[in-house]
Amino acid sequence: MLAMRALAVIGYSLLCAALLSLFSQIEDLFRYFFSLGALYAGIHFFKRYEALGMRIAFISVTIVLYFIFAFIYAVYVAMQQMPPL
């Protein structure tokens, strides 16, 4: 049962972090759909899991994954803009 809860937190956190990363990288009006998707997934998680520990874990894992995704994207963009040797 504990493994299922951990997988739920990781799954929802991955989804929300990916959607928030897309929201922060896209500069079009379409970006707000990603924000609404992350909000919807967060509300769905909060409805489904009412334990305070699960909610804190979801928020903290989402924030950590968001920063990891943002770092990976920044490294990718920096590598694309490097001049060839």
N, C-alpha and C. Protein backbone atom coordinates (compact mmCIF):
# COMPACT_ATOMS: atom_id res chain seq x y z
N MET A 1 0.82 -1.18 0.00
CA MET A 1 0.00 0.00 0.00
C MET A 1 0.87 1.26 0.00
N LEU A 2 1.97 1.21 0.74
CA LEU A 2 2.87 2.36 0.79
C LEU A 2 3.52 2.61 -0.56
N ALA A 3 3.83 1.54 -1.28
CA ALA A 3 4.44 1.69 -2.61
C ALA A 3 3.47 2.33 -3.58
N MET A 4 2.19 2.02 -3.47
CA MET A 4 1.20 2.63 -4.35
C MET A 4 1.06 4.12 -4.07
N ARG A 5 1.13 4.50 -2.81
CA ARG A 5 1.07 5.93 -2.48
C ARG A 5 2.29 6.66 -3.00
N ALA A 6 3.45 6.05 -2.86
CA ALA A 6 4.68 6.68 -3.35
C ALA A 6 4.63 6.81 -4.87
N LEU A 7 4.15 5.80 -5.56
CA LEU A 7 4.02 5.89 -7.01
C LEU A 7 3.01 6.96 -7.42
N ALA A 8 1.95 7.11 -6.65
CA ALA A 8 0.96 8.15 -6.95
C ALA A 8 1.58 9.54 -6.79
N VAL A 9 2.32 9.73 -5.72
CA VAL A 9 2.97 11.03 -5.50
C VAL A 9 3.97 11.31 -6.61
N ILE A 10 4.77 10.33 -6.97
CA ILE A 10 5.77 10.53 -8.02
C ILE A 10 5.10 10.77 -9.36
N GLY A 11 4.07 10.02 -9.67
CA GLY A 11 3.37 10.17 -10.95
C GLY A 11 2.72 11.54 -11.09
N TYR A 12 1.95 11.94 -10.10
CA TYR A 12 1.31 13.25 -10.15
C TYR A 12 2.35 14.37 -10.14
N SER A 13 3.41 14.19 -9.38
CA SER A 13 4.46 15.21 -9.33
C SER A 13 5.18 15.34 -10.67
N LEU A 14 5.46 14.21 -11.32
CA LEU A 14 6.07 14.26 -12.65
C LEU A 14 5.17 14.99 -13.64
N LEU A 15 3.89 14.68 -13.60
CA LEU A 15 2.95 15.33 -14.50
C LEU A 15 2.90 16.83 -14.26
N CYS A 16 2.74 17.23 -13.02
CA CYS A 16 2.65 18.66 -12.71
C CYS A 16 3.96 19.39 -12.99
N ALA A 17 5.08 18.78 -12.67
CA ALA A 17 6.37 19.42 -12.93
C ALA A 17 6.61 19.58 -14.42
N ALA A 18 6.24 18.58 -15.21
CA ALA A 18 6.40 18.69 -16.66
C ALA A 18 5.50 19.77 -17.23
N LEU A 19 4.27 19.83 -16.77
CA LEU A 19 3.35 20.86 -17.25
C LEU A 19 3.82 22.26 -16.84
N LEU A 20 4.32 22.41 -15.63
CA LEU A 20 4.82 23.71 -15.20
C LEU A 20 6.10 24.09 -15.93
N SER A 21 6.92 23.12 -16.27
CA SER A 21 8.12 23.40 -17.05
C SER A 21 7.75 23.89 -18.45
N LEU A 22 6.78 23.25 -19.05
CA LEU A 22 6.31 23.71 -20.36
C LEU A 22 5.70 25.10 -20.26
N PHE A 23 4.97 25.35 -19.18
CA PHE A 23 4.39 26.68 -18.97
C PHE A 23 5.47 27.75 -18.89
N SER A 24 6.56 27.44 -18.23
CA SER A 24 7.61 28.45 -18.05
C SER A 24 8.47 28.64 -19.29
N GLN A 25 8.48 27.67 -20.21
CA GLN A 25 9.35 27.76 -21.39
C GLN A 25 8.64 28.29 -22.63
N ILE A 26 7.34 28.10 -22.73
CA ILE A 26 6.60 28.52 -23.92
C ILE A 26 6.16 29.97 -23.75
N GLU A 27 6.27 30.75 -24.83
CA GLU A 27 5.92 32.17 -24.76
C GLU A 27 4.71 32.50 -25.61
N ASP A 28 3.77 31.61 -25.71
CA ASP A 28 2.58 31.80 -26.51
C ASP A 28 1.36 31.78 -25.59
N LEU A 29 0.21 32.12 -26.14
CA LEU A 29 -1.01 32.06 -25.36
C LEU A 29 -1.35 30.62 -24.97
N PHE A 30 -0.85 29.68 -25.75
CA PHE A 30 -1.07 28.25 -25.51
C PHE A 30 -0.48 27.80 -24.18
N ARG A 31 0.46 28.55 -23.63
CA ARG A 31 1.14 28.17 -22.40
C ARG A 31 0.18 28.06 -21.22
N TYR A 32 -0.89 28.81 -21.25
CA TYR A 32 -1.83 28.81 -20.12
C TYR A 32 -2.60 27.50 -20.02
N PHE A 33 -2.69 26.75 -21.10
CA PHE A 33 -3.30 25.43 -21.02
C PHE A 33 -2.47 24.49 -20.17
N PHE A 34 -1.15 24.64 -20.22
CA PHE A 34 -0.28 23.81 -19.39
C PHE A 34 -0.44 24.18 -17.91
N SER A 35 -0.60 25.46 -17.64
CA SER A 35 -0.84 25.89 -16.27
C SER A 35 -2.16 25.35 -15.74
N LEU A 36 -3.19 25.42 -16.56
CA LEU A 36 -4.48 24.88 -16.14
C LEU A 36 -4.43 23.36 -15.97
N GLY A 37 -3.65 22.69 -16.81
CA GLY A 37 -3.49 21.25 -16.67
C GLY A 37 -2.81 20.88 -15.36
N ALA A 38 -1.78 21.64 -14.98
CA ALA A 38 -1.11 21.40 -13.71
C ALA A 38 -2.05 21.68 -12.54
N LEU A 39 -2.84 22.74 -12.65
CA LEU A 39 -3.81 23.06 -11.60
C LEU A 39 -4.85 21.95 -11.47
N TYR A 40 -5.35 21.46 -12.60
CA TYR A 40 -6.34 20.38 -12.59
C TYR A 40 -5.75 19.11 -11.96
N ALA A 41 -4.53 18.77 -12.34
CA ALA A 41 -3.90 17.56 -11.77
C ALA A 41 -3.67 17.72 -10.26
N GLY A 42 -3.28 18.92 -9.84
CA GLY A 42 -3.10 19.16 -8.41
C GLY A 42 -4.41 19.07 -7.64
N ILE A 43 -5.46 19.63 -8.19
CA ILE A 43 -6.77 19.53 -7.53
C ILE A 43 -7.23 18.07 -7.46
N HIS A 44 -7.01 17.34 -8.54
CA HIS A 44 -7.39 15.93 -8.56
C HIS A 44 -6.61 15.14 -7.51
N PHE A 45 -5.32 15.44 -7.37
CA PHE A 45 -4.52 14.77 -6.35
C PHE A 45 -5.03 15.11 -4.96
N PHE A 46 -5.33 16.38 -4.72
CA PHE A 46 -5.77 16.79 -3.39
C PHE A 46 -7.14 16.20 -3.05
N LYS A 47 -8.00 16.01 -4.05
CA LYS A 47 -9.28 15.36 -3.79
C LYS A 47 -9.09 13.89 -3.44
N ARG A 48 -8.17 13.27 -4.11
CA ARG A 48 -7.99 11.83 -3.97
C ARG A 48 -7.24 11.45 -2.68
N TYR A 49 -6.23 12.23 -2.31
CA TYR A 49 -5.40 11.93 -1.14
C TYR A 49 -5.52 13.09 -0.15
N GLU A 50 -6.17 12.81 0.97
CA GLU A 50 -6.44 13.86 1.94
C GLU A 50 -5.43 13.93 3.08
N ALA A 51 -4.48 13.04 3.12
CA ALA A 51 -3.48 13.04 4.20
C ALA A 51 -2.52 14.21 4.02
N LEU A 52 -2.21 14.87 5.09
CA LEU A 52 -1.33 16.05 5.04
C LEU A 52 0.06 15.68 4.57
N GLY A 53 0.57 14.54 5.00
CA GLY A 53 1.90 14.10 4.57
C GLY A 53 1.99 13.87 3.07
N MET A 54 0.94 13.29 2.51
CA MET A 54 0.90 13.06 1.06
C MET A 54 0.89 14.39 0.30
N ARG A 55 0.14 15.35 0.81
CA ARG A 55 0.06 16.65 0.14
C ARG A 55 1.39 17.40 0.21
N ILE A 56 2.04 17.33 1.35
CA ILE A 56 3.35 17.99 1.49
C ILE A 56 4.37 17.31 0.59
N ALA A 57 4.34 16.00 0.54
CA ALA A 57 5.26 15.26 -0.33
C ALA A 57 5.00 15.61 -1.80
N PHE A 58 3.75 15.70 -2.20
CA PHE A 58 3.40 16.05 -3.57
C PHE A 58 3.95 17.42 -3.95
N ILE A 59 3.73 18.40 -3.10
CA ILE A 59 4.19 19.76 -3.40
C ILE A 59 5.71 19.83 -3.44
N SER A 60 6.38 19.21 -2.46
CA SER A 60 7.84 19.30 -2.42
C SER A 60 8.49 18.54 -3.57
N VAL A 61 7.97 17.37 -3.91
CA VAL A 61 8.54 16.61 -5.03
C VAL A 61 8.28 17.33 -6.35
N THR A 62 7.12 17.96 -6.48
CA THR A 62 6.82 18.73 -7.69
C THR A 62 7.79 19.88 -7.86
N ILE A 63 8.09 20.59 -6.79
CA ILE A 63 9.02 21.72 -6.87
C ILE A 63 10.42 21.25 -7.23
N VAL A 64 10.87 20.18 -6.61
CA VAL A 64 12.20 19.65 -6.90
C VAL A 64 12.29 19.19 -8.36
N LEU A 65 11.28 18.47 -8.82
CA LEU A 65 11.29 18.00 -10.21
C LEU A 65 11.20 19.16 -11.20
N TYR A 66 10.45 20.19 -10.85
CA TYR A 66 10.38 21.37 -11.72
C TYR A 66 11.76 21.99 -11.91
N PHE A 67 12.50 22.15 -10.82
CA PHE A 67 13.84 22.72 -10.93
C PHE A 67 14.78 21.80 -11.70
N ILE A 68 14.64 20.51 -11.54
CA ILE A 68 15.47 19.57 -12.31
C ILE A 68 15.16 19.68 -13.79
N PHE A 69 13.88 19.72 -14.14
CA PHE A 69 13.49 19.87 -15.55
C PHE A 69 13.97 21.20 -16.12
N ALA A 70 13.87 22.27 -15.34
CA ALA A 70 14.33 23.58 -15.81
C ALA A 70 15.84 23.58 -16.02
N PHE A 71 16.57 22.92 -15.14
CA PHE A 71 18.02 22.83 -15.30
C PHE A 71 18.40 22.03 -16.54
N ILE A 72 17.71 20.91 -16.74
CA ILE A 72 17.99 20.09 -17.93
C ILE A 72 17.71 20.88 -19.20
N TYR A 73 16.62 21.63 -19.22
CA TYR A 73 16.29 22.43 -20.40
C TYR A 73 17.32 23.54 -20.61
N ALA A 74 17.77 24.17 -19.54
CA ALA A 74 18.78 25.22 -19.66
C ALA A 74 20.10 24.67 -20.21
N VAL A 75 20.49 23.49 -19.76
CA VAL A 75 21.70 22.86 -20.28
C VAL A 75 21.53 22.52 -21.75
N TYR A 76 20.36 22.02 -22.12
CA TYR A 76 20.09 21.69 -23.52
C TYR A 76 20.17 22.94 -24.40
N VAL A 77 19.58 24.04 -23.97
CA VAL A 77 19.63 25.28 -24.76
C VAL A 77 21.06 25.81 -24.84
N ALA A 78 21.79 25.72 -23.76
CA ALA A 78 23.19 26.19 -23.78
C ALA A 78 24.03 25.35 -24.72
N MET A 79 23.79 24.06 -24.77
CA MET A 79 24.55 23.20 -25.67
C MET A 79 24.19 23.47 -27.14
N GLN A 80 22.94 23.81 -27.38
CA GLN A 80 22.52 24.12 -28.75
C GLN A 80 23.12 25.44 -29.25
N GLN A 81 23.38 26.36 -28.36
CA GLN A 81 23.90 27.68 -28.73
C GLN A 81 25.41 27.75 -28.71
N MET A 82 26.08 26.67 -28.32
CA MET A 82 27.55 26.67 -28.32
C MET A 82 28.07 26.65 -29.75
N PRO A 83 29.09 27.44 -30.04
CA PRO A 83 29.65 27.37 -31.38
C PRO A 83 30.43 26.07 -31.56
N PRO A 84 30.45 25.54 -32.78
CA PRO A 84 31.20 24.29 -32.99
C PRO A 84 32.70 24.54 -32.87
N LEU A 85 33.41 23.51 -32.47
CA LEU A 85 34.85 23.64 -32.28
C LEU A 85 35.61 23.58 -33.56
